[in-house]
Amino acid sequence: MAKKVIKKAVKGEVSGESKLFAFLAYFLGLIGFVIVLLAKKKDSFAMYHAKQSLVLSIFAVIVYVCGMFIPIIGWFIILPLGYLAILIFWIMGVIRALTGEEKPLPIIGKYGENLKL
């Protein structure tokens, strides 16, 4: 299996504006993704985090739907654990966006890297 290369920005390499748009992608969810897509499509750092944010939003919808429509197990296991995972992934994404790091979110991040927009 090929090793994935984690890109960490050299100090000053990623602009503050790119970090701001990457943060907005996580902070505003789907709306943030659309904002980055329209305003910063050519900015690879902001788009990377926008794609990660989009995958996180889709994961949140899947957790909600599965949790609500699977009785008992969904209500007491899927929803609490899913929401905890979403919160942890969201915090990780925000920290990585603000520090200038391009690293996929655990478990679901690989799907964001495969998106072609």
PDB file of N, CA and C in Angstrom:
ATOM      1  N   MET A   1       0.843  -1.167   0.000  1.00  0.00           N
ATOM      2  CA  MET A   1       0.000   0.000   0.000  1.00  0.00           C
ATOM      3  C   MET A   1       0.898   1.243   0.000  1.00  0.00           C
ATOM      4  N   ALA A   2       0.576   2.192  -0.812  1.00  0.00           N
ATOM      5  CA  ALA A   2       1.375   3.412  -0.929  1.00  0.00           C
ATOM      6  C   ALA A   2       1.160   4.290   0.297  1.00  0.00           C
ATOM      7  N   LYS A   3       2.244   4.923   0.732  1.00  0.00           N
ATOM      8  CA  LYS A   3       2.144   5.845   1.857  1.00  0.00           C
ATOM      9  C   LYS A   3       1.610   7.171   1.374  1.00  0.00           C
ATOM     10  N   LYS A   4       0.735   7.768   2.187  1.00  0.00           N
ATOM     11  CA  LYS A   4       0.213   9.080   1.846  1.00  0.00           C
ATOM     12  C   LYS A   4       1.165  10.144   2.368  1.00  0.00           C
ATOM     13  N   VAL A   5       1.377  11.134   1.560  1.00  0.00           N
ATOM     14  CA  VAL A   5       2.257  12.233   1.940  1.00  0.00           C
ATOM     15  C   VAL A   5       1.404  13.297   2.618  1.00  0.00           C
ATOM     16  N   ILE A   6       1.820  13.681   3.803  1.00  0.00           N
ATOM     17  CA  ILE A   6       1.128  14.732   4.534  1.00  0.00           C
ATOM     18  C   ILE A   6       1.860  16.030   4.259  1.00  0.00           C
ATOM     19  N   LYS A   7       1.120  17.001   3.759  1.00  0.00           N
ATOM     20  CA  LYS A   7       1.725  18.287   3.441  1.00  0.00           C
ATOM     21  C   LYS A   7       1.546  19.216   4.621  1.00  0.00           C
ATOM     22  N   LYS A   8       2.630  19.715   5.133  1.00  0.00           N
ATOM     23  CA  LYS A   8       2.568  20.720   6.183  1.00  0.00           C
ATOM     24  C   LYS A   8       3.210  21.975   5.625  1.00  0.00           C
ATOM     25  N   ALA A   9       2.494  23.042   5.725  1.00  0.00           N
ATOM     26  CA  ALA A   9       2.964  24.284   5.139  1.00  0.00           C
ATOM     27  C   ALA A   9       4.178  24.807   5.891  1.00  0.00           C
ATOM     28  N   VAL A  10       5.127  25.297   5.143  1.00  0.00           N
ATOM     29  CA  VAL A  10       6.259  25.985   5.734  1.00  0.00           C
ATOM     30  C   VAL A  10       5.737  27.333   6.199  1.00  0.00           C
ATOM     31  N   LYS A  11       6.273  27.803   7.305  1.00  0.00           N
ATOM     32  CA  LYS A  11       5.782  29.055   7.875  1.00  0.00           C
ATOM     33  C   LYS A  11       5.733  30.148   6.810  1.00  0.00           C
ATOM     34  N   GLY A  12       4.559  30.724   6.638  1.00  0.00           N
ATOM     35  CA  GLY A  12       4.379  31.782   5.666  1.00  0.00           C
ATOM     36  C   GLY A  12       3.966  31.297   4.285  1.00  0.00           C
ATOM     37  N   GLU A  13       3.952  29.979   4.067  1.00  0.00           N
ATOM     38  CA  GLU A  13       3.611  29.458   2.747  1.00  0.00           C
ATOM     39  C   GLU A  13       2.109  29.587   2.452  1.00  0.00           C
ATOM     40  N   VAL A  14       1.268  29.300   3.446  1.00  0.00           N
ATOM     41  CA  VAL A  14      -0.176  29.408   3.277  1.00  0.00           C
ATOM     42  C   VAL A  14      -0.602  30.777   3.774  1.00  0.00           C
ATOM     43  N   SER A  15      -1.307  31.509   2.934  1.00  0.00           N
ATOM     44  CA  SER A  15      -1.706  32.864   3.304  1.00  0.00           C
ATOM     45  C   SER A  15      -2.805  32.832   4.365  1.00  0.00           C
ATOM     46  N   GLY A  16      -2.924  33.926   5.061  1.00  0.00           N
ATOM     47  CA  GLY A  16      -3.967  34.065   6.074  1.00  0.00           C
ATOM     48  C   GLY A  16      -5.352  33.984   5.461  1.00  0.00           C
ATOM     49  N   GLU A  17      -5.477  34.488   4.246  1.00  0.00           N
ATOM     50  CA  GLU A  17      -6.771  34.436   3.552  1.00  0.00           C
ATOM     51  C   GLU A  17      -7.155  32.988   3.240  1.00  0.00           C
ATOM     52  N   SER A  18      -6.197  32.178   2.832  1.00  0.00           N
ATOM     53  CA  SER A  18      -6.463  30.768   2.565  1.00  0.00           C
ATOM     54  C   SER A  18      -6.895  30.050   3.830  1.00  0.00           C
ATOM     55  N   LYS A  19      -6.215  30.351   4.931  1.00  0.00           N
ATOM     56  CA  LYS A  19      -6.577  29.740   6.216  1.00  0.00           C
ATOM     57  C   LYS A  19      -7.983  30.169   6.642  1.00  0.00           C
ATOM     58  N   LEU A  20      -8.316  31.429   6.412  1.00  0.00           N
ATOM     59  CA  LEU A  20      -9.643  31.926   6.769  1.00  0.00           C
ATOM     60  C   LEU A  20     -10.730  31.190   5.988  1.00  0.00           C
ATOM     61  N   PHE A  21     -10.538  31.039   4.689  1.00  0.00           N
ATOM     62  CA  PHE A  21     -11.536  30.349   3.883  1.00  0.00           C
ATOM     63  C   PHE A  21     -11.604  28.858   4.239  1.00  0.00           C
ATOM     64  N   ALA A  22     -10.465  28.257   4.571  1.00  0.00           N
ATOM     65  CA  ALA A  22     -10.468  26.857   5.002  1.00  0.00           C
ATOM     66  C   ALA A  22     -11.246  26.722   6.309  1.00  0.00           C
ATOM     67  N   PHE A  23     -11.048  27.662   7.225  1.00  0.00           N
ATOM     68  CA  PHE A  23     -11.793  27.659   8.481  1.00  0.00           C
ATOM     69  C   PHE A  23     -13.285  27.839   8.229  1.00  0.00           C
ATOM     70  N   LEU A  24     -13.635  28.767   7.351  1.00  0.00           N
ATOM     71  CA  LEU A  24     -15.049  29.001   7.042  1.00  0.00           C
ATOM     72  C   LEU A  24     -15.721  27.769   6.455  1.00  0.00           C
ATOM     73  N   ALA A  25     -14.976  26.983   5.702  1.00  0.00           N
ATOM     74  CA  ALA A  25     -15.534  25.758   5.135  1.00  0.00           C
ATOM     75  C   ALA A  25     -16.013  24.829   6.243  1.00  0.00           C
ATOM     76  N   TYR A  26     -15.226  24.689   7.304  1.00  0.00           N
ATOM     77  CA  TYR A  26     -15.639  23.844   8.432  1.00  0.00           C
ATOM     78  C   TYR A  26     -16.716  24.519   9.267  1.00  0.00           C
ATOM     79  N   PHE A  27     -16.534  25.799   9.514  1.00  0.00           N
ATOM     80  CA  PHE A  27     -17.434  26.516  10.423  1.00  0.00           C
ATOM     81  C   PHE A  27     -18.853  26.614   9.870  1.00  0.00           C
ATOM     82  N   LEU A  28     -18.989  26.791   8.568  1.00  0.00           N
ATOM     83  CA  LEU A  28     -20.309  26.965   7.967  1.00  0.00           C
ATOM     84  C   LEU A  28     -20.843  25.709   7.271  1.00  0.00           C
ATOM     85  N   GLY A  29     -20.099  24.637   7.280  1.00  0.00           N
ATOM     86  CA  GLY A  29     -20.571  23.372   6.703  1.00  0.00           C
ATOM     87  C   GLY A  29     -20.799  23.466   5.207  1.00  0.00           C
ATOM     88  N   LEU A  30     -21.984  23.068   4.757  1.00  0.00           N
ATOM     89  CA  LEU A  30     -22.287  23.067   3.323  1.00  0.00           C
ATOM     90  C   LEU A  30     -22.241  24.470   2.722  1.00  0.00           C
ATOM     91  N   ILE A  31     -22.694  25.455   3.485  1.00  0.00           N
ATOM     92  CA  ILE A  31     -22.654  26.840   3.001  1.00  0.00           C
ATOM     93  C   ILE A  31     -21.204  27.290   2.846  1.00  0.00           C
ATOM     94  N   GLY A  32     -20.359  26.907   3.795  1.00  0.00           N
ATOM     95  CA  GLY A  32     -18.936  27.232   3.708  1.00  0.00           C
ATOM     96  C   GLY A  32     -18.276  26.585   2.507  1.00  0.00           C
ATOM     97  N   PHE A  33     -18.673  25.341   2.216  1.00  0.00           N
ATOM     98  CA  PHE A  33     -18.144  24.665   1.037  1.00  0.00           C
ATOM     99  C   PHE A  33     -18.493  25.445  -0.227  1.00  0.00           C
ATOM    100  N   VAL A  34     -19.735  25.876  -0.333  1.00  0.00           N
ATOM    101  CA  VAL A  34     -20.168  26.632  -1.519  1.00  0.00           C
ATOM    102  C   VAL A  34     -19.419  27.960  -1.611  1.00  0.00           C
ATOM    103  N   ILE A  35     -19.225  28.625  -0.479  1.00  0.00           N
ATOM    104  CA  ILE A  35     -18.500  29.900  -0.486  1.00  0.00           C
ATOM    105  C   ILE A  35     -17.079  29.704  -0.991  1.00  0.00           C
ATOM    106  N   VAL A  36     -16.392  28.678  -0.479  1.00  0.00           N
ATOM    107  CA  VAL A  36     -15.018  28.412  -0.922  1.00  0.00           C
ATOM    108  C   VAL A  36     -15.001  28.020  -2.394  1.00  0.00           C
ATOM    109  N   LEU A  37     -15.962  27.212  -2.795  1.00  0.00           N
ATOM    110  CA  LEU A  37     -16.027  26.785  -4.193  1.00  0.00           C
ATOM    111  C   LEU A  37     -16.199  27.975  -5.132  1.00  0.00           C
ATOM    112  N   LEU A  38     -17.018  28.931  -4.744  1.00  0.00           N
ATOM    113  CA  LEU A  38     -17.258  30.100  -5.597  1.00  0.00           C
ATOM    114  C   LEU A  38     -16.130  31.139  -5.514  1.00  0.00           C
ATOM    115  N   ALA A  39     -15.551  31.329  -4.335  1.00  0.00           N
ATOM    116  CA  ALA A  39     -14.587  32.409  -4.152  1.00  0.00           C
ATOM    117  C   ALA A  39     -13.128  31.977  -4.320  1.00  0.00           C
ATOM    118  N   LYS A  40     -12.813  30.747  -3.982  1.00  0.00           N
ATOM    119  CA  LYS A  40     -11.406  30.327  -3.937  1.00  0.00           C
ATOM    120  C   LYS A  40     -11.172  28.995  -4.639  1.00  0.00           C
ATOM    121  N   LYS A  41     -11.813  28.772  -5.753  1.00  0.00           N
ATOM    122  CA  LYS A  41     -11.681  27.497  -6.450  1.00  0.00           C
ATOM    123  C   LYS A  41     -10.231  27.200  -6.854  1.00  0.00           C
ATOM    124  N   LYS A  42      -9.451  28.213  -7.123  1.00  0.00           N
ATOM    125  CA  LYS A  42      -8.066  28.004  -7.564  1.00  0.00           C
ATOM    126  C   LYS A  42      -7.079  27.889  -6.394  1.00  0.00           C
ATOM    127  N   ASP A  43      -7.540  28.146  -5.178  1.00  0.00           N
ATOM    128  CA  ASP A  43      -6.696  28.045  -3.984  1.00  0.00           C
ATOM    129  C   ASP A  43      -6.715  26.594  -3.499  1.00  0.00           C
ATOM    130  N   SER A  44      -5.637  25.864  -3.714  1.00  0.00           N
ATOM    131  CA  SER A  44      -5.621  24.431  -3.419  1.00  0.00           C
ATOM    132  C   SER A  44      -5.782  24.141  -1.929  1.00  0.00           C
ATOM    133  N   PHE A  45      -5.230  24.987  -1.074  1.00  0.00           N
ATOM    134  CA  PHE A  45      -5.356  24.760   0.373  1.00  0.00           C
ATOM    135  C   PHE A  45      -6.807  24.922   0.827  1.00  0.00           C
ATOM    136  N   ALA A  46      -7.446  25.995   0.436  1.00  0.00           N
ATOM    137  CA  ALA A  46      -8.837  26.227   0.827  1.00  0.00           C
ATOM    138  C   ALA A  46      -9.757  25.156   0.240  1.00  0.00           C
ATOM    139  N   MET A  47      -9.516  24.764  -0.995  1.00  0.00           N
ATOM    140  CA  MET A  47     -10.349  23.727  -1.619  1.00  0.00           C
ATOM    141  C   MET A  47     -10.136  22.372  -0.954  1.00  0.00           C
ATOM    142  N   TYR A  48      -8.912  22.066  -0.541  1.00  0.00           N
ATOM    143  CA  TYR A  48      -8.653  20.806   0.152  1.00  0.00           C
ATOM    144  C   TYR A  48      -9.530  20.708   1.405  1.00  0.00           C
ATOM    145  N   HIS A  49      -9.542  21.778   2.186  1.00  0.00           N
ATOM    146  CA  HIS A  49     -10.334  21.756   3.419  1.00  0.00           C
ATOM    147  C   HIS A  49     -11.828  21.875   3.134  1.00  0.00           C
ATOM    148  N   ALA A  50     -12.194  22.517   2.060  1.00  0.00           N
ATOM    149  CA  ALA A  50     -13.607  22.569   1.689  1.00  0.00           C
ATOM    150  C   ALA A  50     -14.111  21.168   1.345  1.00  0.00           C
ATOM    151  N   LYS A  51     -13.303  20.393   0.649  1.00  0.00           N
ATOM    152  CA  LYS A  51     -13.686  19.018   0.315  1.00  0.00           C
ATOM    153  C   LYS A  51     -13.783  18.157   1.571  1.00  0.00           C
ATOM    154  N   GLN A  52     -12.839  18.335   2.489  1.00  0.00           N
ATOM    155  CA  GLN A  52     -12.896  17.597   3.755  1.00  0.00           C
ATOM    156  C   GLN A  52     -14.165  17.976   4.526  1.00  0.00           C
ATOM    157  N   SER A  53     -14.500  19.251   4.517  1.00  0.00           N
ATOM    158  CA  SER A  53     -15.706  19.728   5.191  1.00  0.00           C
ATOM    159  C   SER A  53     -16.970  19.160   4.544  1.00  0.00           C
ATOM    160  N   LEU A  54     -16.977  19.072   3.225  1.00  0.00           N
ATOM    161  CA  LEU A  54     -18.128  18.505   2.514  1.00  0.00           C
ATOM    162  C   LEU A  54     -18.328  17.046   2.904  1.00  0.00           C
ATOM    163  N   VAL A  55     -17.258  16.285   2.956  1.00  0.00           N
ATOM    164  CA  VAL A  55     -17.350  14.878   3.353  1.00  0.00           C
ATOM    165  C   VAL A  55     -17.825  14.766   4.798  1.00  0.00           C
ATOM    166  N   LEU A  56     -17.371  15.649   5.663  1.00  0.00           N
ATOM    167  CA  LEU A  56     -17.816  15.647   7.050  1.00  0.00           C
ATOM    168  C   LEU A  56     -19.314  15.960   7.140  1.00  0.00           C
ATOM    169  N   SER A  57     -19.794  16.883   6.335  1.00  0.00           N
ATOM    170  CA  SER A  57     -21.225  17.208   6.321  1.00  0.00           C
ATOM    171  C   SER A  57     -22.057  16.034   5.820  1.00  0.00           C
ATOM    172  N   ILE A  58     -21.577  15.360   4.799  1.00  0.00           N
ATOM    173  CA  ILE A  58     -22.287  14.183   4.286  1.00  0.00           C
ATOM    174  C   ILE A  58     -22.306  13.083   5.346  1.00  0.00           C
ATOM    175  N   PHE A  59     -21.189  12.899   6.037  1.00  0.00           N
ATOM    176  CA  PHE A  59     -21.120  11.921   7.120  1.00  0.00           C
ATOM    177  C   PHE A  59     -22.128  12.258   8.217  1.00  0.00           C
ATOM    178  N   ALA A  60     -22.273  13.546   8.542  1.00  0.00           N
ATOM    179  CA  ALA A  60     -23.233  13.972   9.559  1.00  0.00           C
ATOM    180  C   ALA A  60     -24.662  13.626   9.152  1.00  0.00           C
ATOM    181  N   VAL A  61     -24.995  13.814   7.888  1.00  0.00           N
ATOM    182  CA  VAL A  61     -26.334  13.471   7.398  1.00  0.00           C
ATOM    183  C   VAL A  61     -26.555  11.965   7.477  1.00  0.00           C
ATOM    184  N   ILE A  62     -25.556  11.184   7.110  1.00  0.00           N
ATOM    185  CA  ILE A  62     -25.668   9.722   7.161  1.00  0.00           C
ATOM    186  C   ILE A  62     -25.860   9.255   8.602  1.00  0.00           C
ATOM    187  N   VAL A  63     -25.106   9.814   9.529  1.00  0.00           N
ATOM    188  CA  VAL A  63     -25.254   9.456  10.946  1.00  0.00           C
ATOM    189  C   VAL A  63     -26.657   9.784  11.416  1.00  0.00           C
ATOM    190  N   TYR A  64     -27.157  10.959  11.063  1.00  0.00           N
ATOM    191  CA  TYR A  64     -28.492  11.368  11.486  1.00  0.00           C
ATOM    192  C   TYR A  64     -29.564  10.425  10.935  1.00  0.00           C
ATOM    193  N   VAL A  65     -29.513  10.154   9.649  1.00  0.00           N
ATOM    194  CA  VAL A  65     -30.529   9.299   9.018  1.00  0.00           C
ATOM    195  C   VAL A  65     -30.483   7.890   9.601  1.00  0.00           C
ATOM    196  N   CYS A  66     -29.302   7.313   9.705  1.00  0.00           N
ATOM    197  CA  CYS A  66     -29.181   5.961  10.271  1.00  0.00           C
ATOM    198  C   CYS A  66     -29.631   5.940  11.728  1.00  0.00           C
ATOM    199  N   GLY A  67     -29.236   6.960  12.466  1.00  0.00           N
ATOM    200  CA  GLY A  67     -29.594   7.014  13.878  1.00  0.00           C
ATOM    201  C   GLY A  67     -31.079   7.176  14.123  1.00  0.00           C
ATOM    202  N   MET A  68     -31.748   7.905  13.262  1.00  0.00           N
ATOM    203  CA  MET A  68     -33.175   8.150  13.466  1.00  0.00           C
ATOM    204  C   MET A  68     -34.058   7.000  12.977  1.00  0.00           C
ATOM    205  N   PHE A  69     -33.611   6.288  11.969  1.00  0.00           N
ATOM    206  CA  PHE A  69     -34.477   5.270  11.377  1.00  0.00           C
ATOM    207  C   PHE A  69     -34.134   3.835  11.776  1.00  0.00           C
ATOM    208  N   ILE A  70     -33.136   3.652  12.616  1.00  0.00           N
ATOM    209  CA  ILE A  70     -32.850   2.331  13.162  1.00  0.00           C
ATOM    210  C   ILE A  70     -33.231   2.389  14.641  1.00  0.00           C
ATOM    211  N   PRO A  71     -34.363   1.786  15.001  1.00  0.00           N
ATOM    212  CA  PRO A  71     -34.833   1.894  16.393  1.00  0.00           C
ATOM    213  C   PRO A  71     -33.831   1.324  17.396  1.00  0.00           C
ATOM    214  N   ILE A  72     -33.838   1.853  18.570  1.00  0.00           N
ATOM    215  CA  ILE A  72     -33.042   1.489  19.730  1.00  0.00           C
ATOM    216  C   ILE A  72     -31.535   1.607  19.463  1.00  0.00           C
ATOM    217  N   ILE A  73     -30.990   0.782  18.593  1.00  0.00           N
ATOM    218  CA  ILE A  73     -29.550   0.831  18.310  1.00  0.00           C
ATOM    219  C   ILE A  73     -29.167   2.210  17.767  1.00  0.00           C
ATOM    220  N   GLY A  74     -29.967   2.716  16.856  1.00  0.00           N
ATOM    221  CA  GLY A  74     -29.686   4.027  16.279  1.00  0.00           C
ATOM    222  C   GLY A  74     -29.782   5.133  17.301  1.00  0.00           C
ATOM    223  N   TRP A  75     -30.808   5.082  18.128  1.00  0.00           N
ATOM    224  CA  TRP A  75     -31.033   6.155  19.099  1.00  0.00           C
ATOM    225  C   TRP A  75     -29.989   6.171  20.198  1.00  0.00           C
ATOM    226  N   PHE A  76     -29.572   4.999  20.652  1.00  0.00           N
ATOM    227  CA  PHE A  76     -28.710   4.943  21.822  1.00  0.00           C
ATOM    228  C   PHE A  76     -27.245   4.625  21.525  1.00  0.00           C
ATOM    229  N   ILE A  77     -26.941   4.218  20.307  1.00  0.00           N
ATOM    230  CA  ILE A  77     -25.546   3.907  19.974  1.00  0.00           C
ATOM    231  C   ILE A  77     -25.055   4.735  18.786  1.00  0.00           C
ATOM    232  N   ILE A  78     -25.769   4.650  17.668  1.00  0.00           N
ATOM    233  CA  ILE A  78     -25.302   5.333  16.452  1.00  0.00           C
ATOM    234  C   ILE A  78     -25.279   6.852  16.624  1.00  0.00           C
ATOM    235  N   LEU A  79     -26.364   7.431  17.106  1.00  0.00           N
ATOM    236  CA  LEU A  79     -26.412   8.892  17.235  1.00  0.00           C
ATOM    237  C   LEU A  79     -25.368   9.434  18.212  1.00  0.00           C
ATOM    238  N   PRO A  80     -25.298   8.934  19.446  1.00  0.00           N
ATOM    239  CA  PRO A  80     -24.291   9.519  20.358  1.00  0.00           C
ATOM    240  C   PRO A  80     -22.849   9.325  19.874  1.00  0.00           C
ATOM    241  N   LEU A  81     -22.519   8.117  19.431  1.00  0.00           N
ATOM    242  CA  LEU A  81     -21.149   7.875  18.959  1.00  0.00           C
ATOM    243  C   LEU A  81     -20.857   8.623  17.667  1.00  0.00           C
ATOM    244  N   GLY A  82     -21.847   8.675  16.780  1.00  0.00           N
ATOM    245  CA  GLY A  82     -21.679   9.397  15.521  1.00  0.00           C
ATOM    246  C   GLY A  82     -21.475  10.883  15.736  1.00  0.00           C
ATOM    247  N   TYR A  83     -22.284  11.469  16.626  1.00  0.00           N
ATOM    248  CA  TYR A  83     -22.140  12.900  16.904  1.00  0.00           C
ATOM    249  C   TYR A  83     -20.824  13.206  17.601  1.00  0.00           C
ATOM    250  N   LEU A  84     -20.367  12.302  18.450  1.00  0.00           N
ATOM    251  CA  LEU A  84     -19.063  12.486  19.091  1.00  0.00           C
ATOM    252  C   LEU A  84     -17.945  12.449  18.044  1.00  0.00           C
ATOM    253  N   ALA A  85     -18.032  11.503  17.114  1.00  0.00           N
ATOM    254  CA  ALA A  85     -17.038  11.418  16.038  1.00  0.00           C
ATOM    255  C   ALA A  85     -17.063  12.678  15.172  1.00  0.00           C
ATOM    256  N   ILE A  86     -18.252  13.165  14.863  1.00  0.00           N
ATOM    257  CA  ILE A  86     -18.376  14.383  14.052  1.00  0.00           C
ATOM    258  C   ILE A  86     -17.727  15.556  14.763  1.00  0.00           C
ATOM    259  N   LEU A  87     -17.985  15.695  16.059  1.00  0.00           N
ATOM    260  CA  LEU A  87     -17.387  16.792  16.827  1.00  0.00           C
ATOM    261  C   LEU A  87     -15.868  16.696  16.837  1.00  0.00           C
ATOM    262  N   ILE A  88     -15.342  15.500  17.053  1.00  0.00           N
ATOM    263  CA  ILE A  88     -13.887  15.309  17.075  1.00  0.00           C
ATOM    264  C   ILE A  88     -13.285  15.602  15.705  1.00  0.00           C
ATOM    265  N   PHE A  89     -13.893  15.096  14.636  1.00  0.00           N
ATOM    266  CA  PHE A  89     -13.387  15.350  13.283  1.00  0.00           C
ATOM    267  C   PHE A  89     -13.450  16.837  12.953  1.00  0.00           C
ATOM    268  N   TRP A  90     -14.525  17.505  13.381  1.00  0.00           N
ATOM    269  CA  TRP A  90     -14.692  18.931  13.109  1.00  0.00           C
ATOM    270  C   TRP A  90     -13.578  19.725  13.790  1.00  0.00           C
ATOM    271  N   ILE A  91     -13.302  19.419  15.060  1.00  0.00           N
ATOM    272  CA  ILE A  91     -12.237  20.118  15.789  1.00  0.00           C
ATOM    273  C   ILE A  91     -10.888  19.872  15.119  1.00  0.00           C
ATOM    274  N   MET A  92     -10.630  18.622  14.721  1.00  0.00           N
ATOM    275  CA  MET A  92      -9.374  18.306  14.035  1.00  0.00           C
ATOM    276  C   MET A  92      -9.253  19.101  12.733  1.00  0.00           C
ATOM    277  N   GLY A  93     -10.333  19.180  11.977  1.00  0.00           N
ATOM    278  CA  GLY A  93     -10.310  19.919  10.717  1.00  0.00           C
ATOM    279  C   GLY A  93     -10.050  21.399  10.916  1.00  0.00           C
ATOM    280  N   VAL A  94     -10.704  21.989  11.908  1.00  0.00           N
ATOM    281  CA  VAL A  94     -10.512  23.417  12.183  1.00  0.00           C
ATOM    282  C   VAL A  94      -9.064  23.682  12.583  1.00  0.00           C
ATOM    283  N   ILE A  95      -8.517  22.851  13.447  1.00  0.00           N
ATOM    284  CA  ILE A  95      -7.124  23.037  13.886  1.00  0.00           C
ATOM    285  C   ILE A  95      -6.173  22.917  12.700  1.00  0.00           C
ATOM    286  N   ARG A  96      -6.397  21.917  11.860  1.00  0.00           N
ATOM    287  CA  ARG A  96      -5.521  21.739  10.697  1.00  0.00           C
ATOM    288  C   ARG A  96      -5.656  22.892   9.709  1.00  0.00           C
ATOM    289  N   ALA A  97      -6.860  23.404   9.547  1.00  0.00           N
ATOM    290  CA  ALA A  97      -7.059  24.538   8.633  1.00  0.00           C
ATOM    291  C   ALA A  97      -6.342  25.781   9.150  1.00  0.00           C
ATOM    292  N   LEU A  98      -6.415  26.022  10.449  1.00  0.00           N
ATOM    293  CA  LEU A  98      -5.805  27.226  11.012  1.00  0.00           C
ATOM    294  C   LEU A  98      -4.291  27.127  11.144  1.00  0.00           C
ATOM    295  N   THR A  99      -3.753  25.907  11.205  1.00  0.00           N
ATOM    296  CA  THR A  99      -2.297  25.750  11.306  1.00  0.00           C
ATOM    297  C   THR A  99      -1.629  25.568   9.949  1.00  0.00           C
ATOM    298  N   GLY A 100      -2.425  25.489   8.886  1.00  0.00           N
ATOM    299  CA  GLY A 100      -1.854  25.376   7.546  1.00  0.00           C
ATOM    300  C   GLY A 100      -1.460  23.966   7.164  1.00  0.00           C
ATOM    301  N   GLU A 101      -2.100  22.981   7.745  1.00  0.00           N
ATOM    302  CA  GLU A 101      -1.745  21.586   7.505  1.00  0.00           C
ATOM    303  C   GLU A 101      -2.776  20.918   6.595  1.00  0.00           C
ATOM    304  N   GLU A 102      -2.307  20.201   5.596  1.00  0.00           N
ATOM    305  CA  GLU A 102      -3.179  19.423   4.711  1.00  0.00           C
ATOM    306  C   GLU A 102      -3.047  17.955   5.079  1.00  0.00           C
ATOM    307  N   LYS A 103      -3.937  17.494   5.915  1.00  0.00           N
ATOM    308  CA  LYS A 103      -3.937  16.102   6.348  1.00  0.00           C
ATOM    309  C   LYS A 103      -5.394  15.659   6.385  1.00  0.00           C
ATOM    310  N   PRO A 104      -5.699  14.491   5.816  1.00  0.00           N
ATOM    311  CA  PRO A 104      -7.107  14.072   5.765  1.00  0.00           C
ATOM    312  C   PRO A 104      -7.662  13.745   7.148  1.00  0.00           C
ATOM    313  N   LEU A 105      -8.959  13.935   7.285  1.00  0.00           N
ATOM    314  CA  LEU A 105      -9.634  13.548   8.519  1.00  0.00           C
ATOM    315  C   LEU A 105      -9.591  12.032   8.658  1.00  0.00           C
ATOM    316  N   PRO A 106      -9.557  11.520   9.885  1.00  0.00           N
ATOM    317  CA  PRO A 106      -9.530  10.067  10.052  1.00  0.00           C
ATOM    318  C   PRO A 106     -10.779   9.413   9.457  1.00  0.00           C
ATOM    319  N   ILE A 107     -10.645   8.252   8.933  1.00  0.00           N
ATOM    320  CA  ILE A 107     -11.697   7.389   8.401  1.00  0.00           C
ATOM    321  C   ILE A 107     -12.371   7.965   7.157  1.00  0.00           C
ATOM    322  N   ILE A 108     -12.912   9.174   7.229  1.00  0.00           N
ATOM    323  CA  ILE A 108     -13.700   9.725   6.125  1.00  0.00           C
ATOM    324  C   ILE A 108     -12.914  10.646   5.198  1.00  0.00           C
ATOM    325  N   GLY A 109     -11.743  11.099   5.610  1.00  0.00           N
ATOM    326  CA  GLY A 109     -10.975  12.078   4.841  1.00  0.00           C
ATOM    327  C   GLY A 109     -10.523  11.594   3.479  1.00  0.00           C
ATOM    328  N   LYS A 110     -10.319  10.285   3.339  1.00  0.00           N
ATOM    329  CA  LYS A 110      -9.849   9.754   2.048  1.00  0.00           C
ATOM    330  C   LYS A 110     -10.879  10.005   0.939  1.00  0.00           C
ATOM    331  N   TYR A 111     -12.153  10.065   1.311  1.00  0.00           N
ATOM    332  CA  TYR A 111     -13.189  10.328   0.310  1.00  0.00           C
ATOM    333  C   TYR A 111     -13.127  11.780  -0.174  1.00  0.00           C
ATOM    334  N   GLY A 112     -12.757  12.683   0.697  1.00  0.00           N
ATOM    335  CA  GLY A 112     -12.590  14.077   0.320  1.00  0.00           C
ATOM    336  C   GLY A 112     -11.433  14.280  -0.633  1.00  0.00           C
ATOM    337  N   GLU A 113     -10.370  13.509  -0.424  1.00  0.00           N
ATOM    338  CA  GLU A 113      -9.212  13.618  -1.307  1.00  0.00           C
ATOM    339  C   GLU A 113      -9.524  13.114  -2.707  1.00  0.00           C
ATOM    340  N   ASN A 114     -10.478  12.210  -2.838  1.00  0.00           N
ATOM    341  CA  ASN A 114     -10.827  11.645  -4.147  1.00  0.00           C
ATOM    342  C   ASN A 114     -11.822  12.488  -4.932  1.00  0.00           C
ATOM    343  N   LEU A 115     -12.385  13.531  -4.312  1.00  0.00           N
ATOM    344  CA  LEU A 115     -13.355  14.379  -5.010  1.00  0.00           C
ATOM    345  C   LEU A 115     -12.657  15.201  -6.094  1.00  0.00           C
ATOM    346  N   LYS A 116     -13.241  15.220  -7.258  1.00  0.00           N
ATOM    347  CA  LYS A 116     -12.711  16.024  -8.359  1.00  0.00           C
ATOM    348  C   LYS A 116     -13.693  17.161  -8.627  1.00  0.00           C
ATOM    349  N   LEU A 117     -13.298  18.368  -8.274  1.00  0.00           N
ATOM    350  CA  LEU A 117     -14.171  19.528  -8.497  1.00  0.00           C
ATOM    351  C   LEU A 117     -13.468  20.563  -9.334  1.00  0.00           C
TER     352      LEU A 117
END
